[in-house]
C-alpha atoms as a PDB file:
ATOM      1  CA  MET A   1     -77.541  44.358 132.613  1.00  0.00           C
ATOM      2  CA  MET A   2     -75.132  42.374 130.240  1.00  0.00           C
ATOM      3  CA  MET A   3     -71.299  41.239 131.220  1.00  0.00           C
ATOM      4  CA  LEU A   4     -69.525  43.080 128.252  1.00  0.00           C
ATOM      5  CA  PRO A   5     -68.120  40.737 125.529  1.00  0.00           C
ATOM      6  CA  THR A   6     -64.560  39.559 125.414  1.00  0.00           C
ATOM      7  CA  PRO A   7     -62.435  40.949 121.860  1.00  0.00           C
ATOM      8  CA  GLU A   8     -62.097  36.471 121.523  1.00  0.00           C
ATOM      9  CA  HIS A   9     -65.896  36.667 121.082  1.00  0.00           C
ATOM     10  CA  LYS A  10     -66.371  39.868 119.074  1.00  0.00           C
ATOM     11  CA  GLY A  11     -68.952  38.981 116.391  1.00  0.00           C
ATOM     12  CA  ALA A  12     -71.246  38.009 118.944  1.00  0.00           C
ATOM     13  CA  MET A  13     -72.915  41.192 118.913  1.00  0.00           C
ATOM     14  CA  GLU A  14     -73.256  43.487 116.441  1.00  0.00           C
ATOM     15  CA  GLU A  15     -76.061  45.626 116.881  1.00  0.00           C
ATOM     16  CA  ILE A  16     -74.199  48.613 115.482  1.00  0.00           C
ATOM     17  CA  LYS A  17     -72.623  47.110 112.173  1.00  0.00           C
ATOM     18  CA  VAL A  18     -75.991  45.630 111.196  1.00  0.00           C
ATOM     19  CA  SER A  19     -78.208  48.570 112.385  1.00  0.00           C
ATOM     20  CA  PRO A  20     -80.095  50.233 109.701  1.00  0.00           C
ATOM     21  CA  ASP A  21     -78.926  53.784 110.650  1.00  0.00           C
ATOM     22  CA  TYR A  22     -74.954  52.148 109.775  1.00  0.00           C
ATOM     23  CA  ASN A  23     -75.889  50.530 107.015  1.00  0.00           C
ATOM     24  CA  TRP A  24     -77.543  53.598 105.900  1.00  0.00           C
ATOM     25  CA  PHE A  25     -74.842  55.858 106.533  1.00  0.00           C
ATOM     26  CA  ARG A  26     -71.603  53.533 105.248  1.00  0.00           C
ATOM     27  CA  SER A  27     -73.972  53.274 101.710  1.00  0.00           C
ATOM     28  CA  THR A  28     -74.890  57.390 101.837  1.00  0.00           C
ATOM     29  CA  VAL A  29     -72.017  59.200 102.691  1.00  0.00           C
ATOM     30  CA  PRO A  30     -68.752  58.781 100.308  1.00  0.00           C
ATOM     31  CA  LEU A  31     -65.548  57.711 102.050  1.00  0.00           C
ATOM     32  CA  LYS A  32     -62.664  60.540 100.777  1.00  0.00           C
ATOM     33  CA  ARG A  33     -58.923  59.908 101.304  1.00  0.00           C
ATOM     34  CA  ILE A  34     -56.883  63.015 101.209  1.00  0.00           C
ATOM     35  CA  ILE A  35     -52.954  63.481 100.576  1.00  0.00           C
ATOM     36  CA  VAL A  36     -52.266  66.810 101.586  1.00  0.00           C
ATOM     37  CA  ASP A  37     -47.905  66.243 103.169  1.00  0.00           C
ATOM     38  CA  ASP A  38     -44.659  65.118 100.847  1.00  0.00           C
ATOM     39  CA  ASP A  39     -45.176  61.747 102.061  1.00  0.00           C
ATOM     40  CA  ASP A  40     -48.022  59.732  99.924  1.00  0.00           C
ATOM     41  CA  SER A  41     -48.440  57.665 102.700  1.00  0.00           C
ATOM     42  CA  LYS A  42     -50.020  60.356 105.179  1.00  0.00           C
ATOM     43  CA  VAL A  43     -54.017  59.456 104.287  1.00  0.00           C
ATOM     44  CA  TRP A  44     -56.450  61.899 105.672  1.00  0.00           C
ATOM     45  CA  SER A  45     -59.532  60.119 105.273  1.00  0.00           C
ATOM     46  CA  LEU A  46     -62.655  61.574 106.212  1.00  0.00           C
ATOM     47  CA  TYR A  47     -66.846  61.722 105.761  1.00  0.00           C
ATOM     48  CA  ASP A  48     -67.869  65.214 104.544  1.00  0.00           C
ATOM     49  CA  ALA A  49     -71.833  65.523 104.857  1.00  0.00           C
ATOM     50  CA  GLY A  50     -74.286  68.532 104.759  1.00  0.00           C
ATOM     51  CA  PRO A  51     -74.131  71.808 102.622  1.00  0.00           C
ATOM     52  CA  LYS A  52     -71.202  72.544 101.359  1.00  0.00           C
ATOM     53  CA  SER A  53     -71.404  76.368 100.986  1.00  0.00           C
ATOM     54  CA  ILE A  54     -70.886  76.480 105.230  1.00  0.00           C
ATOM     55  CA  ARG A  55     -67.605  77.226 105.365  1.00  0.00           C
ATOM     56  CA  CYS A  56     -67.319  76.425 109.351  1.00  0.00           C
ATOM     57  CA  PRO A  57     -68.202  73.269 109.945  1.00  0.00           C
ATOM     58  CA  ILE A  58     -67.876  71.520 112.671  1.00  0.00           C
ATOM     59  CA  ILE A  59     -65.117  68.593 112.349  1.00  0.00           C
ATOM     60  CA  PHE A  60     -65.070  64.851 114.712  1.00  0.00           C
ATOM     61  CA  LEU A  61     -61.708  63.713 115.980  1.00  0.00           C
ATOM     62  CA  PRO A  62     -61.647  60.207 117.409  1.00  0.00           C
ATOM     63  CA  PRO A  63     -59.816  58.568 120.263  1.00  0.00           C
ATOM     64  CA  VAL A  64     -56.968  56.059 119.585  1.00  0.00           C
ATOM     65  CA  SER A  65     -59.106  53.288 118.754  1.00  0.00           C
ATOM     66  CA  GLY A  66     -61.680  55.260 116.207  1.00  0.00           C
ATOM     67  CA  THR A  67     -61.959  55.672 112.949  1.00  0.00           C
ATOM     68  CA  ALA A  68     -63.924  58.245 111.138  1.00  0.00           C
ATOM     69  CA  GLU A  69     -67.228  55.756 111.216  1.00  0.00           C
ATOM     70  CA  VAL A  70     -67.143  56.292 115.446  1.00  0.00           C
ATOM     71  CA  PHE A  71     -69.344  59.101 114.604  1.00  0.00           C
ATOM     72  CA  PHE A  72     -71.682  58.205 111.924  1.00  0.00           C
ATOM     73  CA  GLN A  73     -74.598  59.228 114.473  1.00  0.00           C
ATOM     74  CA  GLN A  74     -73.875  62.328 114.658  1.00  0.00           C
ATOM     75  CA  VAL A  75     -73.140  62.596 110.824  1.00  0.00           C
ATOM     76  CA  LEU A  76     -76.442  61.128 110.140  1.00  0.00           C
ATOM     77  CA  ALA A  77     -78.511  63.326 112.896  1.00  0.00           C
ATOM     78  CA  LEU A  78     -76.562  67.099 112.423  1.00  0.00           C
ATOM     79  CA  THR A  79     -76.925  66.743 109.049  1.00  0.00           C
ATOM     80  CA  GLY A  80     -80.597  66.007 109.294  1.00  0.00           C
ATOM     81  CA  TRP A  81     -80.824  69.348 110.796  1.00  0.00           C
ATOM     82  CA  GLY A  82     -79.362  71.298 108.513  1.00  0.00           C
ATOM     83  CA  TYR A  83     -75.136  71.172 109.764  1.00  0.00           C
ATOM     84  CA  ARG A  84     -72.250  70.677 107.942  1.00  0.00           C
ATOM     85  CA  VAL A  85     -70.063  67.707 109.527  1.00  0.00           C
ATOM     86  CA  ILE A  86     -66.822  66.158 108.696  1.00  0.00           C
ATOM     87  CA  SER A  87     -65.580  62.725 110.987  1.00  0.00           C
ATOM     88  CA  LEU A  88     -62.096  61.897 109.770  1.00  0.00           C
ATOM     89  CA  GLN A  89     -59.465  59.305 110.758  1.00  0.00           C
ATOM     90  CA  TYR A  90     -55.751  60.326 110.945  1.00  0.00           C
ATOM     91  CA  PRO A  91     -52.456  59.987 108.761  1.00  0.00           C
ATOM     92  CA  VAL A  92     -49.377  57.927 110.952  1.00  0.00           C
ATOM     93  CA  TYR A  93     -48.122  61.164 112.386  1.00  0.00           C
ATOM     94  CA  TRP A  94     -45.621  60.984 115.082  1.00  0.00           C
ATOM     95  CA  ASP A  95     -45.098  64.486 117.389  1.00  0.00           C
ATOM     96  CA  LEU A  96     -47.648  67.108 118.114  1.00  0.00           C
ATOM     97  CA  MET A  97     -45.981  69.718 115.615  1.00  0.00           C
ATOM     98  CA  GLU A  98     -46.155  67.368 112.957  1.00  0.00           C
ATOM     99  CA  PHE A  99     -50.191  66.095 113.145  1.00  0.00           C
ATOM    100  CA  CYS A 100     -51.310  70.373 113.826  1.00  0.00           C
ATOM    101  CA  ASP A 101     -48.811  71.292 110.227  1.00  0.00           C
ATOM    102  CA  GLY A 102     -51.105  68.321 108.561  1.00  0.00           C
ATOM    103  CA  PHE A 103     -54.247  69.261 109.970  1.00  0.00           C
ATOM    104  CA  ARG A 104     -53.557  72.888 108.944  1.00  0.00           C
ATOM    105  CA  LYS A 105     -52.661  71.674 105.112  1.00  0.00           C
ATOM    106  CA  LEU A 106     -55.805  69.845 105.219  1.00  0.00           C
ATOM    107  CA  LEU A 107     -57.632  72.920 106.548  1.00  0.00           C
ATOM    108  CA  ASP A 108     -56.005  74.869 103.352  1.00  0.00           C
ATOM    109  CA  HIS A 109     -57.178  71.708 101.038  1.00  0.00           C
ATOM    110  CA  LEU A 110     -61.082  71.908 102.035  1.00  0.00           C
ATOM    111  CA  GLN A 111     -60.392  76.025 101.756  1.00  0.00           C
ATOM    112  CA  LEU A 112     -62.322  76.300 105.530  1.00  0.00           C
ATOM    113  CA  ASP A 113     -60.808  79.287 107.711  1.00  0.00           C
ATOM    114  CA  LYS A 114     -62.316  78.138 110.629  1.00  0.00           C
ATOM    115  CA  VAL A 115     -63.972  75.330 112.171  1.00  0.00           C
ATOM    116  CA  HIS A 116     -65.727  73.933 115.192  1.00  0.00           C
ATOM    117  CA  LEU A 117     -64.236  70.876 116.679  1.00  0.00           C
ATOM    118  CA  PHE A 118     -65.400  68.533 118.512  1.00  0.00           C
ATOM    119  CA  GLY A 119     -62.277  65.318 120.221  1.00  0.00           C
ATOM    120  CA  ALA A 120     -62.941  62.394 122.054  1.00  0.00           C
ATOM    121  CA  SER A 121     -60.171  62.055 124.233  1.00  0.00           C
ATOM    122  CA  LEU A 122     -57.392  62.166 122.148  1.00  0.00           C
ATOM    123  CA  GLY A 123     -59.088  63.995 119.587  1.00  0.00           C
ATOM    124  CA  GLY A 124     -59.910  66.371 122.359  1.00  0.00           C
ATOM    125  CA  PHE A 125     -56.178  66.352 123.266  1.00  0.00           C
ATOM    126  CA  LEU A 126     -55.037  66.991 119.559  1.00  0.00           C
ATOM    127  CA  ALA A 127     -58.196  69.731 118.998  1.00  0.00           C
ATOM    128  CA  GLN A 128     -56.671  72.241 121.954  1.00  0.00           C
ATOM    129  CA  LYS A 129     -53.389  71.273 121.043  1.00  0.00           C
ATOM    130  CA  PHE A 130     -53.889  72.849 117.304  1.00  0.00           C
ATOM    131  CA  ALA A 131     -56.059  75.505 118.750  1.00  0.00           C
ATOM    132  CA  GLU A 132     -53.077  76.350 120.487  1.00  0.00           C
ATOM    133  CA  THR A 133     -50.976  75.851 118.079  1.00  0.00           C
ATOM    134  CA  THR A 134     -52.294  78.428 115.435  1.00  0.00           C
ATOM    135  CA  HIS A 135     -53.363  81.189 118.328  1.00  0.00           C
ATOM    136  CA  LYS A 136     -51.900  83.856 116.372  1.00  0.00           C
ATOM    137  CA  SER A 137     -54.004  82.735 112.758  1.00  0.00           C
ATOM    138  CA  PRO A 138     -56.707  81.132 114.895  1.00  0.00           C
ATOM    139  CA  ARG A 139     -58.299  78.425 112.773  1.00  0.00           C
ATOM    140  CA  VAL A 140     -60.545  76.947 115.557  1.00  0.00           C
ATOM    141  CA  HIS A 141     -63.516  78.877 116.228  1.00  0.00           C
ATOM    142  CA  SER A 142     -64.949  76.665 119.207  1.00  0.00           C
ATOM    143  CA  LEU A 143     -64.745  73.556 120.914  1.00  0.00           C
ATOM    144  CA  ILE A 144     -66.714  70.508 122.291  1.00  0.00           C
ATOM    145  CA  LEU A 145     -64.501  68.229 124.238  1.00  0.00           C
ATOM    146  CA  CYS A 146     -65.877  65.085 125.399  1.00  0.00           C
ATOM    147  CA  ASN A 147     -64.003  62.673 127.830  1.00  0.00           C
ATOM    148  CA  SER A 148     -60.831  64.877 126.615  1.00  0.00           C
ATOM    149  CA  PHE A 149     -58.168  65.678 128.814  1.00  0.00           C
ATOM    150  CA  SER A 150     -54.948  68.394 129.255  1.00  0.00           C
ATOM    151  CA  ASP A 151     -52.023  66.704 129.912  1.00  0.00           C
ATOM    152  CA  THR A 152     -50.645  63.394 129.040  1.00  0.00           C
ATOM    153  CA  SER A 153     -48.657  62.841 131.940  1.00  0.00           C
ATOM    154  CA  ILE A 154     -52.276  61.429 133.540  1.00  0.00           C
ATOM    155  CA  PHE A 155     -51.534  58.490 132.058  1.00  0.00           C
ATOM    156  CA  ASN A 156     -47.841  57.471 133.262  1.00  0.00           C
ATOM    157  CA  GLN A 157     -46.232  56.272 130.484  1.00  0.00           C
ATOM    158  CA  THR A 158     -44.657  59.255 128.975  1.00  0.00           C
ATOM    159  CA  TRP A 159     -41.426  57.210 129.548  1.00  0.00           C
ATOM    160  CA  THR A 160     -42.377  54.715 126.925  1.00  0.00           C
ATOM    161  CA  ALA A 161     -43.898  56.717 124.447  1.00  0.00           C
ATOM    162  CA  ASN A 162     -40.705  56.439 122.471  1.00  0.00           C
ATOM    163  CA  SER A 163     -41.289  52.912 122.457  1.00  0.00           C
ATOM    164  CA  PHE A 164     -44.897  52.401 120.942  1.00  0.00           C
ATOM    165  CA  TRP A 165     -43.419  52.036 117.724  1.00  0.00           C
ATOM    166  CA  LEU A 166     -40.900  48.880 118.504  1.00  0.00           C
ATOM    167  CA  MET A 167     -43.838  47.145 119.582  1.00  0.00           C
ATOM    168  CA  PRO A 168     -46.142  44.988 117.859  1.00  0.00           C
ATOM    169  CA  ALA A 169     -49.974  45.122 117.186  1.00  0.00           C
ATOM    170  CA  PHE A 170     -51.015  42.952 119.415  1.00  0.00           C
ATOM    171  CA  MET A 171     -49.573  44.614 122.172  1.00  0.00           C
ATOM    172  CA  LEU A 172     -50.827  47.730 121.412  1.00  0.00           C
ATOM    173  CA  LYS A 173     -54.617  46.609 121.131  1.00  0.00           C
ATOM    174  CA  LYS A 174     -53.913  45.361 124.359  1.00  0.00           C
ATOM    175  CA  ILE A 175     -52.462  48.636 125.854  1.00  0.00           C
ATOM    176  CA  VAL A 176     -55.879  50.187 124.741  1.00  0.00           C
ATOM    177  CA  LEU A 177     -58.331  47.407 125.817  1.00  0.00           C
ATOM    178  CA  GLY A 178     -56.858  47.576 129.308  1.00  0.00           C
ATOM    179  CA  ASN A 179     -59.085  51.110 129.161  1.00  0.00           C
ATOM    180  CA  PHE A 180     -61.958  49.750 127.796  1.00  0.00           C
ATOM    181  CA  ALA A 181     -64.883  49.166 130.520  1.00  0.00           C
ATOM    182  CA  LYS A 182     -64.861  46.017 132.159  1.00  0.00           C
ATOM    183  CA  GLY A 183     -67.773  44.366 134.169  1.00  0.00           C
ATOM    184  CA  PRO A 184     -71.800  44.902 133.983  1.00  0.00           C
ATOM    185  CA  VAL A 185     -72.691  47.493 131.725  1.00  0.00           C
ATOM    186  CA  ASP A 186     -76.030  48.022 130.085  1.00  0.00           C
ATOM    187  CA  PRO A 187     -76.834  46.759 126.262  1.00  0.00           C
ATOM    188  CA  LYS A 188     -76.015  49.525 124.624  1.00  0.00           C
ATOM    189  CA  MET A 189     -72.824  50.333 126.022  1.00  0.00           C
ATOM    190  CA  ALA A 190     -72.011  46.618 125.622  1.00  0.00           C
ATOM    191  CA  ASP A 191     -73.155  47.294 121.887  1.00  0.00           C
ATOM    192  CA  ALA A 192     -70.683  50.896 121.450  1.00  0.00           C
ATOM    193  CA  ILE A 193     -67.596  48.315 123.393  1.00  0.00           C
ATOM    194  CA  ASP A 194     -68.388  45.715 120.524  1.00  0.00           C
ATOM    195  CA  PHE A 195     -67.595  48.256 117.704  1.00  0.00           C
ATOM    196  CA  MET A 196     -65.034  49.959 119.083  1.00  0.00           C
ATOM    197  CA  VAL A 197     -63.381  46.500 119.353  1.00  0.00           C
ATOM    198  CA  ASP A 198     -64.407  46.180 115.775  1.00  0.00           C
ATOM    199  CA  ARG A 199     -62.681  49.225 114.607  1.00  0.00           C
ATOM    200  CA  LEU A 200     -59.622  48.797 116.922  1.00  0.00           C
ATOM    201  CA  GLU A 201     -58.862  46.196 114.982  1.00  0.00           C
ATOM    202  CA  SER A 202     -59.448  47.946 111.715  1.00  0.00           C
ATOM    203  CA  LEU A 203     -56.076  49.777 112.316  1.00  0.00           C
ATOM    204  CA  ASN A 204     -52.914  48.715 111.604  1.00  0.00           C
ATOM    205  CA  GLN A 205     -49.847  48.829 113.913  1.00  0.00           C
ATOM    206  CA  SER A 206     -48.276  51.996 112.600  1.00  0.00           C
ATOM    207  CA  GLU A 207     -51.684  53.812 112.892  1.00  0.00           C
ATOM    208  CA  LEU A 208     -52.036  52.630 116.754  1.00  0.00           C
ATOM    209  CA  ALA A 209     -48.653  53.195 117.482  1.00  0.00           C
ATOM    210  CA  SER A 210     -48.607  56.675 116.592  1.00  0.00           C
ATOM    211  CA  ARG A 211     -51.935  57.292 118.099  1.00  0.00           C
ATOM    212  CA  LEU A 212     -50.370  56.016 121.393  1.00  0.00           C
ATOM    213  CA  THR A 213     -47.177  58.314 121.166  1.00  0.00           C
ATOM    214  CA  LEU A 214     -48.897  61.202 120.732  1.00  0.00           C
ATOM    215  CA  ASN A 215     -51.658  60.125 123.467  1.00  0.00           C
ATOM    216  CA  CYS A 216     -48.449  59.957 125.751  1.00  0.00           C
ATOM    217  CA  GLN A 217     -45.982  61.766 124.965  1.00  0.00           C
ATOM    218  CA  ASN A 218     -45.050  64.544 127.070  1.00  0.00           C
ATOM    219  CA  SER A 219     -47.088  67.476 126.459  1.00  0.00           C
ATOM    220  CA  TYR A 220     -49.980  69.618 128.261  1.00  0.00           C
ATOM    221  CA  VAL A 221     -52.197  72.372 126.713  1.00  0.00           C
ATOM    222  CA  GLU A 222     -51.615  76.266 127.336  1.00  0.00           C
ATOM    223  CA  PRO A 223     -54.868  77.598 128.232  1.00  0.00           C
ATOM    224  CA  HIS A 224     -53.676  81.388 127.930  1.00  0.00           C
ATOM    225  CA  LYS A 225     -53.351  80.741 124.489  1.00  0.00           C
ATOM    226  CA  ILE A 226     -56.667  79.510 123.878  1.00  0.00           C
ATOM    227  CA  LYS A 227     -58.519  81.409 126.080  1.00  0.00           C
ATOM    228  CA  ASP A 228     -60.715  83.717 123.804  1.00  0.00           C
ATOM    229  CA  ILE A 229     -62.408  80.491 122.901  1.00  0.00           C
ATOM    230  CA  ALA A 230     -65.811  79.038 123.208  1.00  0.00           C
ATOM    231  CA  VAL A 231     -65.809  75.436 125.012  1.00  0.00           C
ATOM    232  CA  THR A 232     -68.209  72.880 126.092  1.00  0.00           C
ATOM    233  CA  ILE A 233     -66.815  69.853 128.394  1.00  0.00           C
ATOM    234  CA  ILE A 234     -68.856  66.767 128.059  1.00  0.00           C
ATOM    235  CA  ASP A 235     -67.921  64.326 130.821  1.00  0.00           C
ATOM    236  CA  VAL A 236     -69.629  60.742 132.208  1.00  0.00           C
ATOM    237  CA  PHE A 237     -70.217  60.454 135.666  1.00  0.00           C
ATOM    238  CA  ASP A 238     -69.695  56.624 135.412  1.00  0.00           C
ATOM    239  CA  GLN A 239     -66.172  54.616 134.082  1.00  0.00           C
ATOM    240  CA  SER A 240     -64.129  55.922 131.964  1.00  0.00           C
ATOM    241  CA  ALA A 241     -60.854  56.096 130.979  1.00  0.00           C
ATOM    242  CA  LEU A 242     -60.500  59.407 132.634  1.00  0.00           C
ATOM    243  CA  SER A 243     -59.731  59.856 136.348  1.00  0.00           C
ATOM    244  CA  LEU A 244     -61.760  62.407 138.386  1.00  0.00           C
ATOM    245  CA  GLU A 245     -58.546  64.357 138.403  1.00  0.00           C
ATOM    246  CA  ALA A 246     -58.549  64.386 135.021  1.00  0.00           C
ATOM    247  CA  LYS A 247     -61.885  65.634 134.615  1.00  0.00           C
ATOM    248  CA  GLU A 248     -61.225  68.645 137.796  1.00  0.00           C
ATOM    249  CA  GLU A 249     -58.164  69.534 135.479  1.00  0.00           C
ATOM    250  CA  MET A 250     -60.103  69.969 132.881  1.00  0.00           C
ATOM    251  CA  TYR A 251     -62.948  72.530 134.611  1.00  0.00           C
ATOM    252  CA  LYS A 252     -60.092  74.190 135.965  1.00  0.00           C
ATOM    253  CA  LEU A 253     -58.185  74.862 133.200  1.00  0.00           C
ATOM    254  CA  TYR A 254     -61.450  76.179 131.723  1.00  0.00           C
ATOM    255  CA  PRO A 255     -63.873  77.530 134.153  1.00  0.00           C
ATOM    256  CA  ASN A 256     -66.190  79.635 131.986  1.00  0.00           C
ATOM    257  CA  ALA A 257     -66.779  76.247 129.960  1.00  0.00           C
ATOM    258  CA  ARG A 258     -70.338  74.770 129.540  1.00  0.00           C
ATOM    259  CA  ARG A 259     -70.346  71.768 131.184  1.00  0.00           C
ATOM    260  CA  ALA A 260     -73.027  68.747 130.133  1.00  0.00           C
ATOM    261  CA  HIS A 261     -72.992  65.608 132.733  1.00  0.00           C
ATOM    262  CA  LEU A 262     -73.794  62.478 131.110  1.00  0.00           C
ATOM    263  CA  LYS A 263     -75.369  60.207 134.267  1.00  0.00           C
ATOM    264  CA  THR A 264     -74.201  57.013 131.984  1.00  0.00           C
ATOM    265  CA  GLY A 265     -72.188  56.640 128.993  1.00  0.00           C
ATOM    266  CA  GLY A 266     -68.346  55.148 129.716  1.00  0.00           C
ATOM    267  CA  ASN A 267     -65.965  55.746 127.242  1.00  0.00           C
ATOM    268  CA  PHE A 268     -68.231  56.327 124.350  1.00  0.00           C
ATOM    269  CA  PRO A 269     -71.005  58.245 124.787  1.00  0.00           C
ATOM    270  CA  TYR A 270     -71.683  59.762 121.272  1.00  0.00           C
ATOM    271  CA  LEU A 271     -72.167  56.027 120.124  1.00  0.00           C
ATOM    272  CA  CYS A 272     -74.662  54.542 123.181  1.00  0.00           C
ATOM    273  CA  ARG A 273     -75.826  57.835 124.489  1.00  0.00           C
ATOM    274  CA  SER A 274     -76.017  59.901 120.875  1.00  0.00           C
ATOM    275  CA  ALA A 275     -79.601  61.296 121.241  1.00  0.00           C
ATOM    276  CA  GLU A 276     -77.994  63.041 124.559  1.00  0.00           C
ATOM    277  CA  VAL A 277     -74.188  64.471 123.094  1.00  0.00           C
ATOM    278  CA  ASN A 278     -76.114  65.510 119.965  1.00  0.00           C
ATOM    279  CA  LEU A 279     -78.709  67.824 121.614  1.00  0.00           C
ATOM    280  CA  TYR A 280     -75.353  68.892 123.543  1.00  0.00           C
ATOM    281  CA  ILE A 281     -73.905  69.664 120.243  1.00  0.00           C
ATOM    282  CA  GLN A 282     -76.624  71.500 119.261  1.00  0.00           C
ATOM    283  CA  ILE A 283     -76.770  73.466 122.139  1.00  0.00           C
ATOM    284  CA  HIS A 284     -73.414  74.149 121.796  1.00  0.00           C
ATOM    285  CA  LEU A 285     -73.242  75.831 118.223  1.00  0.00           C
ATOM    286  CA  ARG A 286     -76.343  77.297 118.666  1.00  0.00           C
ATOM    287  CA  GLN A 287     -74.351  80.374 119.459  1.00  0.00           C
ATOM    288  CA  PHE A 288     -73.133  81.044 116.479  1.00  0.00           C
ATOM    289  CA  HIS A 289     -76.177  80.691 114.549  1.00  0.00           C
ATOM    290  CA  GLY A 290     -77.070  83.863 112.564  1.00  0.00           C
ATOM    291  CA  THR A 291     -72.795  84.845 112.246  1.00  0.00           C
ATOM    292  CA  ARG A 292     -70.197  83.930 109.904  1.00  0.00           C
ATOM    293  CA  TYR A 293     -68.911  81.034 111.975  1.00  0.00           C
ATOM    294  CA  ALA A 294     -72.954  78.794 112.009  1.00  0.00           C
ATOM    295  CA  ALA A 295     -72.125  75.310 111.098  1.00  0.00           C
ATOM    296  CA  ILE A 296     -75.392  75.357 109.993  1.00  0.00           C
ATOM    297  CA  SER A 297     -77.632  75.999 106.898  1.00  0.00           C
ATOM    298  CA  PRO A 298     -79.799  79.318 107.996  1.00  0.00           C
ATOM    299  CA  ASP A 299     -83.187  78.214 106.482  1.00  0.00           C
ATOM    300  CA  MET A 300     -83.134  75.303 109.095  1.00  0.00           C
ATOM    301  CA  VAL A 301     -81.908  77.433 112.262  1.00  0.00           C
ATOM    302  CA  ASP A 302     -85.263  77.908 114.042  1.00  0.00           C
ATOM    303  CA  LEU A 303     -86.282  73.649 113.023  1.00  0.00           C
ATOM    304  CA  GLN A 304     -83.633  72.414 114.312  1.00  0.00           C
ATOM    305  CA  PHE A 305     -83.419  73.557 117.972  1.00  0.00           C
ATOM    306  CA  PHE A 306     -86.799  72.333 118.487  1.00  0.00           C
ATOM    307  CA  TYR A 307     -86.672  68.816 116.779  1.00  0.00           C
ATOM    308  CA  GLY A 308     -87.467  66.766 119.889  1.00  0.00           C
ATOM    309  CA  ILE A 309     -86.700  68.589 122.761  1.00  0.00           C
ATOM    310  CA  SER A 310     -88.989  67.300 125.601  1.00  0.00           C
ATOM    311  CA  GLY A 311     -89.407  65.938 128.725  1.00  0.00           C
ATOM    312  CA  GLN A 312     -85.770  64.702 129.753  1.00  0.00           C
ATOM    313  CA  SER A 313     -84.362  66.370 127.293  1.00  0.00           C
ATOM    314  CA  ALA A 314     -85.476  69.755 128.038  1.00  0.00           C
ATOM    315  CA  ASN A 315     -84.446  69.044 131.877  1.00  0.00           C
ATOM    316  CA  GLN A 316     -80.993  68.233 130.535  1.00  0.00           C
ATOM    317  CA  LEU A 317     -81.193  71.624 128.547  1.00  0.00           C
ATOM    318  CA  ARG A 318     -81.764  73.194 131.426  1.00  0.00           C
ATOM    319  CA  ILE A 319     -79.376  71.804 133.499  1.00  0.00           C
ATOM    320  CA  PHE A 320     -76.806  72.787 130.828  1.00  0.00           C
ATOM    321  CA  LEU A 321     -77.187  75.618 130.097  1.00  0.00           C
ATOM    322  CA  PHE A 322     -76.730  77.326 134.350  1.00  0.00           C
ATOM    323  CA  ASP A 323     -73.979  74.436 134.711  1.00  0.00           C
ATOM    324  CA  ARG A 324     -71.245  76.817 134.271  1.00  0.00           C
END
C-alpha cells in the first residue's frame, strides 16, 4: 500500500504520463477540434479512432476533472479489437439543454445517427440527459454508466450551482479535489489519481466552473423516457465520490440494467482497472454485433470476444451475465 500523493507533490509520480501506452496514444491518435455552435469559442476536442465505416461508435464522456485523454486505455484496447471509439472533451456549456443541443450538433457534424455512450460520473449524467432529451428522435442506442448518478441533489450543492462562475480556479479545483480518495490506496490507483490531478490542472476557470454547474444545478433523469435503452452500470465497492444511496438509486432507476461490480477502482476504474472495465465494455457491446448498431468491424467479431478472456476474467464474465 502507498499513500496518496498530494497535489503539491504532483510530478513525483507520473507513471501514466510517461508510460509507453500513453505516449503511443498521444503520438498515433490525432486530437481533433470541432466547432458546431455559432460561438467560435465553444470547441469540442476529441479523439476518433478505429474504422470510420462504423456508423454507431462508442463515445466516451469524461468526469468533471477529466479530458479526452483519460480514456486512452479504452481507445487503444477497443480499437485494437476492431471498434470505432471516440473520446471527447466538452466546450464550456452552462446548462444541460445547451449541452444537449451542442452534442446533437456534434453528432450531426460527424454524420452519426445513433451512438453508444460511456459516461463517467458527470459524463454519465450528461449521457442520460442527452438520451432523455432526444427520446422522441433517439440518438442513443445504449448506455454504459460508470460511477455515475441520476440526480444532482446527491451533492447537496444545488444552492451554489449558480455561483461557480464567480469562483477563482484554485477554489474550484479545491472543490473537485475534495472528492478524490484520501488515505492509503494501491499503486495503480495512486497513479490514476495523480494523472487526474494533472488533467484537472489543465482545465481553465470557465471549463471547471461550467462543468461544476452542470454537475450541481438542480436536475434529475426521467427514466420513463429512456426505458427502452440497453444500460450497463459499472461501479466499485471501495471508496468513491458516490454514496451507497446514490448507487442504490441507480439500480432502482434501471432495474433491467446489467451490473458490473469492481471490488476496487476508486473514482477512476477506467484508468487503474482498465482491463476489467474494457472487458465489461466488450460484453455490453457484444449484444449489438450483427446489427446496424454494431460498434465493431464485422471481420473482428469472433476474435475480440475470446481475446484474453480466461481465469479471473471468465469468472467476472459469469458474474456479470447473471447479475441482473
